[in-house]
Amino acid sequence: MLAMAEVTTGLWAGAAIHEVAQVAGAGGAISIAALQAATLMKLMRLLLLGPVVAAAHLLRRDGSQLRGAGVPGFLLAFGALVVVRTVLPLPDAVVDAPR
């Protein structure tokens, strides 16, 4: 409808759509190139989520008092699991577990 190239459409889908599975579905419905671009854009957005939330937390500081509740626990857990998966060799049974 907007006459965008496949990769451009994939990038737009990855930036605009909230859910990862929906991004994959939208990109895959267009082409493999659009799927790859959409997935890359979505993963880049997710990668930046931690630093952006941490920066927002630091910017909300008022002297020594914090107005917010701090960095959400799920972000800390996600970061810890990324480190564990990157550093530790996990057994194939864990990595290839059925979903």
N, C-alpha and C. Protein backbone atom coordinates (compact mmCIF):
# COMPACT_ATOMS: atom_id res chain seq x y z
N MET A 1 0.83 -1.19 0.00
CA MET A 1 0.00 0.00 0.00
C MET A 1 0.88 1.26 0.00
N LEU A 2 1.96 1.26 0.74
CA LEU A 2 2.84 2.42 0.78
C LEU A 2 3.98 2.32 -0.23
N ALA A 3 4.03 1.23 -0.97
CA ALA A 3 5.05 0.99 -2.00
C ALA A 3 6.47 1.06 -1.43
N MET A 4 6.65 0.50 -0.24
CA MET A 4 7.99 0.45 0.36
C MET A 4 8.69 -0.83 -0.09
N ALA A 5 10.01 -0.80 -0.10
CA ALA A 5 10.79 -2.00 -0.39
C ALA A 5 10.57 -3.01 0.73
N GLU A 6 10.84 -4.27 0.44
CA GLU A 6 10.60 -5.33 1.42
C GLU A 6 11.38 -5.11 2.72
N VAL A 7 12.67 -4.76 2.59
CA VAL A 7 13.50 -4.55 3.78
C VAL A 7 12.99 -3.35 4.57
N THR A 8 12.61 -2.28 3.89
CA THR A 8 12.08 -1.10 4.57
C THR A 8 10.79 -1.44 5.30
N THR A 9 9.95 -2.23 4.67
CA THR A 9 8.71 -2.65 5.32
C THR A 9 9.01 -3.50 6.55
N GLY A 10 10.00 -4.37 6.45
CA GLY A 10 10.41 -5.18 7.60
C GLY A 10 10.93 -4.33 8.74
N LEU A 11 11.75 -3.33 8.42
CA LEU A 11 12.26 -2.43 9.45
C LEU A 11 11.12 -1.67 10.12
N TRP A 12 10.18 -1.21 9.33
CA TRP A 12 9.03 -0.49 9.87
C TRP A 12 8.21 -1.40 10.80
N ALA A 13 8.00 -2.64 10.37
CA ALA A 13 7.23 -3.59 11.19
C ALA A 13 7.96 -3.86 12.50
N GLY A 14 9.26 -4.05 12.44
CA GLY A 14 10.04 -4.31 13.66
C GLY A 14 10.03 -3.15 14.62
N ALA A 15 9.95 -1.94 14.09
CA ALA A 15 9.94 -0.75 14.94
C ALA A 15 8.54 -0.44 15.48
N ALA A 16 7.52 -0.80 14.73
CA ALA A 16 6.16 -0.37 15.09
C ALA A 16 5.34 -1.40 15.86
N ILE A 17 5.62 -2.67 15.65
CA ILE A 17 4.79 -3.72 16.25
C ILE A 17 5.38 -4.10 17.60
N HIS A 18 4.51 -4.27 18.59
CA HIS A 18 4.95 -4.48 19.97
C HIS A 18 5.44 -5.90 20.24
N GLU A 19 4.72 -6.91 19.85
CA GLU A 19 5.00 -8.30 20.21
C GLU A 19 5.97 -8.94 19.21
N VAL A 20 6.96 -9.67 19.73
CA VAL A 20 7.98 -10.29 18.89
C VAL A 20 7.36 -11.28 17.91
N ALA A 21 6.43 -12.09 18.35
CA ALA A 21 5.80 -13.08 17.46
C ALA A 21 5.02 -12.39 16.34
N GLN A 22 4.39 -11.27 16.64
CA GLN A 22 3.65 -10.54 15.62
C GLN A 22 4.61 -9.89 14.61
N VAL A 23 5.77 -9.45 15.10
CA VAL A 23 6.79 -8.90 14.21
C VAL A 23 7.25 -9.99 13.24
N ALA A 24 7.52 -11.18 13.77
CA ALA A 24 7.96 -12.29 12.93
C ALA A 24 6.88 -12.67 11.92
N GLY A 25 5.65 -12.69 12.36
CA GLY A 25 4.54 -13.02 11.45
C GLY A 25 4.38 -11.99 10.34
N ALA A 26 4.46 -10.73 10.71
CA ALA A 26 4.31 -9.66 9.71
C ALA A 26 5.47 -9.67 8.72
N GLY A 27 6.69 -9.80 9.22
CA GLY A 27 7.83 -9.83 8.32
C GLY A 27 7.84 -11.07 7.45
N GLY A 28 7.51 -12.21 8.03
CA GLY A 28 7.48 -13.46 7.28
C GLY A 28 6.40 -13.49 6.21
N ALA A 29 5.32 -12.75 6.43
CA ALA A 29 4.25 -12.70 5.44
C ALA A 29 4.67 -11.93 4.19
N ILE A 30 5.70 -11.10 4.34
CA ILE A 30 6.16 -10.29 3.20
C ILE A 30 7.24 -11.04 2.43
N SER A 31 8.34 -11.36 3.12
CA SER A 31 9.44 -12.10 2.48
C SER A 31 10.47 -12.47 3.54
N ILE A 32 11.43 -13.27 3.15
CA ILE A 32 12.51 -13.63 4.06
C ILE A 32 13.33 -12.40 4.42
N ALA A 33 13.60 -11.54 3.44
CA ALA A 33 14.37 -10.32 3.71
C ALA A 33 13.64 -9.41 4.69
N ALA A 34 12.32 -9.30 4.52
CA ALA A 34 11.53 -8.48 5.45
C ALA A 34 11.51 -9.10 6.84
N LEU A 35 11.42 -10.43 6.91
CA LEU A 35 11.46 -11.12 8.19
C LEU A 35 12.78 -10.86 8.91
N GLN A 36 13.89 -10.95 8.19
CA GLN A 36 15.19 -10.71 8.79
C GLN A 36 15.33 -9.27 9.27
N ALA A 37 14.87 -8.32 8.46
CA ALA A 37 14.96 -6.90 8.84
C ALA A 37 14.07 -6.61 10.03
N ALA A 38 12.85 -7.15 10.03
CA ALA A 38 11.92 -6.93 11.13
C ALA A 38 12.45 -7.51 12.43
N THR A 39 12.98 -8.71 12.35
CA THR A 39 13.53 -9.36 13.54
C THR A 39 14.74 -8.60 14.07
N LEU A 40 15.61 -8.16 13.19
CA LEU A 40 16.77 -7.38 13.61
C LEU A 40 16.35 -6.10 14.30
N MET A 41 15.39 -5.38 13.72
CA MET A 41 14.92 -4.13 14.32
C MET A 41 14.30 -4.39 15.70
N LYS A 42 13.50 -5.43 15.81
CA LYS A 42 12.85 -5.74 17.10
C LYS A 42 13.89 -6.11 18.15
N LEU A 43 14.89 -6.91 17.77
CA LEU A 43 15.92 -7.30 18.72
C LEU A 43 16.76 -6.09 19.14
N MET A 44 16.99 -5.16 18.24
CA MET A 44 17.71 -3.94 18.60
C MET A 44 16.90 -3.12 19.60
N ARG A 45 15.59 -3.05 19.40
CA ARG A 45 14.73 -2.34 20.36
C ARG A 45 14.79 -3.01 21.72
N LEU A 46 14.74 -4.33 21.74
CA LEU A 46 14.81 -5.05 23.01
C LEU A 46 16.16 -4.87 23.69
N LEU A 47 17.22 -4.86 22.88
CA LEU A 47 18.56 -4.69 23.41
C LEU A 47 18.70 -3.33 24.10
N LEU A 48 18.06 -2.32 23.56
CA LEU A 48 18.16 -0.97 24.12
C LEU A 48 17.22 -0.75 25.30
N LEU A 49 16.32 -1.68 25.55
CA LEU A 49 15.36 -1.50 26.65
C LEU A 49 16.05 -1.36 28.00
N GLY A 50 17.00 -2.22 28.28
CA GLY A 50 17.70 -2.16 29.56
C GLY A 50 18.41 -0.84 29.80
N PRO A 51 19.28 -0.42 28.87
CA PRO A 51 19.97 0.86 29.08
C PRO A 51 19.02 2.06 29.17
N VAL A 52 17.95 2.05 28.39
CA VAL A 52 17.01 3.18 28.43
C VAL A 52 16.29 3.23 29.78
N VAL A 53 15.86 2.08 30.29
CA VAL A 53 15.19 2.06 31.60
C VAL A 53 16.16 2.46 32.70
N ALA A 54 17.40 1.98 32.63
CA ALA A 54 18.40 2.35 33.63
C ALA A 54 18.69 3.85 33.58
N ALA A 55 18.80 4.40 32.38
CA ALA A 55 19.04 5.85 32.25
C ALA A 55 17.85 6.65 32.76
N ALA A 56 16.64 6.20 32.47
CA ALA A 56 15.46 6.89 32.98
C ALA A 56 15.43 6.84 34.50
N HIS A 57 15.83 5.72 35.06
CA HIS A 57 15.88 5.59 36.52
C HIS A 57 16.88 6.59 37.11
N LEU A 58 18.04 6.69 36.50
CA LEU A 58 19.06 7.62 37.00
C LEU A 58 18.62 9.08 36.83
N LEU A 59 17.93 9.38 35.76
CA LEU A 59 17.46 10.74 35.53
C LEU A 59 16.34 11.15 36.47
N ARG A 60 15.64 10.18 37.02
CA ARG A 60 14.53 10.48 37.93
C ARG A 60 15.00 10.72 39.36
N ARG A 61 16.29 10.59 39.59
CA ARG A 61 16.80 10.79 40.95
C ARG A 61 16.66 12.25 41.35
N ASP A 62 16.23 12.45 42.55
CA ASP A 62 16.07 13.80 43.08
C ASP A 62 16.96 13.88 44.32
N GLY A 63 18.22 14.29 44.13
CA GLY A 63 19.16 14.25 45.25
C GLY A 63 19.43 12.81 45.60
N SER A 64 19.22 12.44 46.85
CA SER A 64 19.42 11.06 47.27
C SER A 64 18.10 10.30 47.30
N GLN A 65 16.99 10.99 47.08
CA GLN A 65 15.68 10.35 47.09
C GLN A 65 15.32 9.86 45.69
N LEU A 66 14.77 8.68 45.59
CA LEU A 66 14.29 8.16 44.32
C LEU A 66 12.78 8.27 44.28
N ARG A 67 12.27 8.84 43.22
CA ARG A 67 10.82 8.95 43.09
C ARG A 67 10.21 7.68 42.53
N GLY A 68 10.98 6.91 41.79
CA GLY A 68 10.46 5.68 41.20
C GLY A 68 10.81 4.49 42.07
N ALA A 69 10.34 3.34 41.63
CA ALA A 69 10.59 2.11 42.38
C ALA A 69 11.92 1.48 42.02
N GLY A 70 12.64 2.06 41.08
CA GLY A 70 13.92 1.50 40.67
C GLY A 70 13.80 0.72 39.39
N VAL A 71 14.87 0.04 39.04
CA VAL A 71 14.87 -0.76 37.83
C VAL A 71 13.99 -1.98 38.06
N PRO A 72 13.08 -2.26 37.12
CA PRO A 72 12.18 -3.41 37.30
C PRO A 72 12.96 -4.73 37.42
N GLY A 73 12.47 -5.59 38.27
CA GLY A 73 13.12 -6.87 38.52
C GLY A 73 13.25 -7.74 37.28
N PHE A 74 12.26 -7.67 36.38
CA PHE A 74 12.33 -8.50 35.19
C PHE A 74 13.50 -8.10 34.30
N LEU A 75 13.87 -6.82 34.31
CA LEU A 75 15.02 -6.39 33.52
C LEU A 75 16.32 -6.92 34.13
N LEU A 76 16.39 -6.88 35.44
CA LEU A 76 17.58 -7.42 36.11
C LEU A 76 17.70 -8.92 35.87
N ALA A 77 16.58 -9.63 35.95
CA ALA A 77 16.58 -11.08 35.71
C ALA A 77 16.95 -11.38 34.26
N PHE A 78 16.40 -10.61 33.33
CA PHE A 78 16.71 -10.80 31.91
C PHE A 78 18.21 -10.60 31.67
N GLY A 79 18.76 -9.54 32.23
CA GLY A 79 20.20 -9.27 32.08
C GLY A 79 21.04 -10.38 32.67
N ALA A 80 20.63 -10.87 33.83
CA ALA A 80 21.37 -11.96 34.47
C ALA A 80 21.33 -13.23 33.61
N LEU A 81 20.18 -13.53 33.03
CA LEU A 81 20.06 -14.71 32.19
C LEU A 81 20.86 -14.56 30.89
N VAL A 82 20.93 -13.36 30.36
CA VAL A 82 21.76 -13.12 29.17
C VAL A 82 23.22 -13.41 29.49
N VAL A 83 23.67 -12.92 30.65
CA VAL A 83 25.05 -13.16 31.06
C VAL A 83 25.30 -14.66 31.28
N VAL A 84 24.38 -15.33 31.95
CA VAL A 84 24.53 -16.77 32.20
C VAL A 84 24.61 -17.53 30.88
N ARG A 85 23.72 -17.23 29.96
CA ARG A 85 23.69 -17.93 28.67
C ARG A 85 24.95 -17.63 27.86
N THR A 86 25.49 -16.44 27.99
CA THR A 86 26.68 -16.06 27.24
C THR A 86 27.95 -16.67 27.82
N VAL A 87 28.03 -16.71 29.15
CA VAL A 87 29.27 -17.12 29.82
C VAL A 87 29.34 -18.62 30.08
N LEU A 88 28.26 -19.20 30.54
CA LEU A 88 28.27 -20.61 30.94
C LEU A 88 27.87 -21.53 29.79
N PRO A 89 28.57 -22.63 29.64
CA PRO A 89 28.13 -23.61 28.65
C PRO A 89 26.94 -24.39 29.23
N LEU A 90 25.80 -24.27 28.59
CA LEU A 90 24.61 -24.97 29.06
C LEU A 90 24.45 -26.29 28.31
N PRO A 91 23.92 -27.30 28.98
CA PRO A 91 23.70 -28.59 28.31
C PRO A 91 22.71 -28.45 27.15
N ASP A 92 22.87 -29.29 26.14
CA ASP A 92 21.97 -29.24 24.99
C ASP A 92 20.52 -29.45 25.40
N ALA A 93 20.28 -30.27 26.42
CA ALA A 93 18.91 -30.52 26.86
C ALA A 93 18.23 -29.24 27.36
N VAL A 94 19.03 -28.33 27.93
CA VAL A 94 18.46 -27.06 28.41
C VAL A 94 18.24 -26.11 27.26
N VAL A 95 19.23 -26.01 26.37
CA VAL A 95 19.16 -25.07 25.26
C VAL A 95 18.08 -25.49 24.26
N ASP A 96 17.96 -26.78 23.99
CA ASP A 96 17.02 -27.28 22.98
C ASP A 96 15.72 -27.80 23.60
N ALA A 97 15.40 -27.34 24.81
CA ALA A 97 14.18 -27.80 25.48
C ALA A 97 12.96 -27.43 24.63
N PRO A 98 11.97 -28.32 24.58
CA PRO A 98 10.75 -28.00 23.82
C PRO A 98 10.03 -26.81 24.43
N ARG A 99 9.46 -26.01 23.57
CA ARG A 99 8.76 -24.80 24.05
C ARG A 99 7.28 -24.99 24.03
